[in-house]
Amino acid sequence: MRNFSNKIEAINSLIATIEAKSELQAHILKSNFTLKKLSLIAEQSKKCEWRER
């Protein structure tokens, strides 16, 4: 019974790790998307500056 309990604990730990990894990946994707938007805004801003000169 102890061995079974250890296996259940290991499985629960693995599930928690997978969930944390998925959450981290979601934050990374969101950050990458935000960085891409910021870089596009900066690019457009530079184009506007050149037009005004």
C-alpha atoms as a PDB file:
ATOM      1  CA  MET A   1       0.000   0.000   0.000  1.00  0.00           C
ATOM      2  CA  ARG A   2       2.897   2.370   0.760  1.00  0.00           C
ATOM      3  CA  ASN A   3       4.341   1.785  -2.717  1.00  0.00           C
ATOM      4  CA  PHE A   4       0.965   2.642  -4.262  1.00  0.00           C
ATOM      5  CA  SER A   5       0.789   5.823  -2.176  1.00  0.00           C
ATOM      6  CA  ASN A   6       4.276   6.839  -3.350  1.00  0.00           C
ATOM      7  CA  LYS A   7       3.243   6.319  -6.962  1.00  0.00           C
ATOM      8  CA  ILE A   8       0.150   8.491  -6.477  1.00  0.00           C
ATOM      9  CA  GLU A   9       2.314  11.223  -4.916  1.00  0.00           C
ATOM     10  CA  ALA A  10       4.748  11.012  -7.822  1.00  0.00           C
ATOM     11  CA  ILE A  11       1.901  11.261 -10.351  1.00  0.00           C
ATOM     12  CA  ASN A  12       0.392  14.255  -8.546  1.00  0.00           C
ATOM     13  CA  SER A  13       3.793  15.926  -8.472  1.00  0.00           C
ATOM     14  CA  LEU A  14       4.232  15.310 -12.189  1.00  0.00           C
ATOM     15  CA  ILE A  15       0.788  16.762 -12.921  1.00  0.00           C
ATOM     16  CA  ALA A  16       1.629  19.880 -10.880  1.00  0.00           C
ATOM     17  CA  THR A  17       4.894  20.251 -12.787  1.00  0.00           C
ATOM     18  CA  ILE A  18       3.124  19.945 -16.144  1.00  0.00           C
ATOM     19  CA  GLU A  19       0.503  22.500 -15.098  1.00  0.00           C
ATOM     20  CA  ALA A  20       3.199  24.940 -13.949  1.00  0.00           C
ATOM     21  CA  LYS A  21       5.100  24.445 -17.206  1.00  0.00           C
ATOM     22  CA  SER A  22       1.951  25.097 -19.242  1.00  0.00           C
ATOM     23  CA  GLU A  23       1.263  28.261 -17.268  1.00  0.00           C
ATOM     24  CA  LEU A  24       4.844  29.422 -17.779  1.00  0.00           C
ATOM     25  CA  GLN A  25       4.582  28.737 -21.518  1.00  0.00           C
ATOM     26  CA  ALA A  26       1.373  30.784 -21.660  1.00  0.00           C
ATOM     27  CA  HIS A  27       3.128  33.714 -19.963  1.00  0.00           C
ATOM     28  CA  ILE A  28       6.069  33.413 -22.353  1.00  0.00           C
ATOM     29  CA  LEU A  29       3.740  33.438 -25.380  1.00  0.00           C
ATOM     30  CA  LYS A  30       1.919  36.476 -24.023  1.00  0.00           C
ATOM     31  CA  SER A  31       5.239  38.260 -23.402  1.00  0.00           C
ATOM     32  CA  ASN A  32       6.478  37.416 -26.903  1.00  0.00           C
ATOM     33  CA  PHE A  33       3.235  38.727 -28.384  1.00  0.00           C
ATOM     34  CA  THR A  34       3.561  41.944 -26.376  1.00  0.00           C
ATOM     35  CA  LEU A  35       7.182  42.385 -27.474  1.00  0.00           C
ATOM     36  CA  LYS A  36       6.172  41.866 -31.104  1.00  0.00           C
ATOM     37  CA  LYS A  37       3.448  44.509 -30.781  1.00  0.00           C
ATOM     38  CA  LEU A  38       5.882  46.935 -29.154  1.00  0.00           C
ATOM     39  CA  SER A  39       8.437  46.386 -31.895  1.00  0.00           C
ATOM     40  CA  LEU A  40       5.786  47.056 -34.555  1.00  0.00           C
ATOM     41  CA  ILE A  41       4.739  50.242 -32.746  1.00  0.00           C
ATOM     42  CA  ALA A  42       8.379  51.367 -32.553  1.00  0.00           C
ATOM     43  CA  GLU A  43       8.828  50.616 -36.248  1.00  0.00           C
ATOM     44  CA  GLN A  44       5.740  52.658 -37.175  1.00  0.00           C
ATOM     45  CA  SER A  45       6.903  55.479 -34.925  1.00  0.00           C
ATOM     46  CA  LYS A  46      10.258  55.617 -36.705  1.00  0.00           C
ATOM     47  CA  LYS A  47       8.504  55.728 -40.083  1.00  0.00           C
ATOM     48  CA  CYS A  48       6.359  58.648 -38.899  1.00  0.00           C
ATOM     49  CA  GLU A  49       9.435  60.504 -37.639  1.00  0.00           C
ATOM     50  CA  TRP A  50      11.125  60.137 -41.036  1.00  0.00           C
ATOM     51  CA  ARG A  51       8.017  61.418 -42.838  1.00  0.00           C
ATOM     52  CA  GLU A  52       7.856  64.521 -40.633  1.00  0.00           C
ATOM     53  CA  ARG A  53      11.432  65.555 -41.482  1.00  0.00           C
END
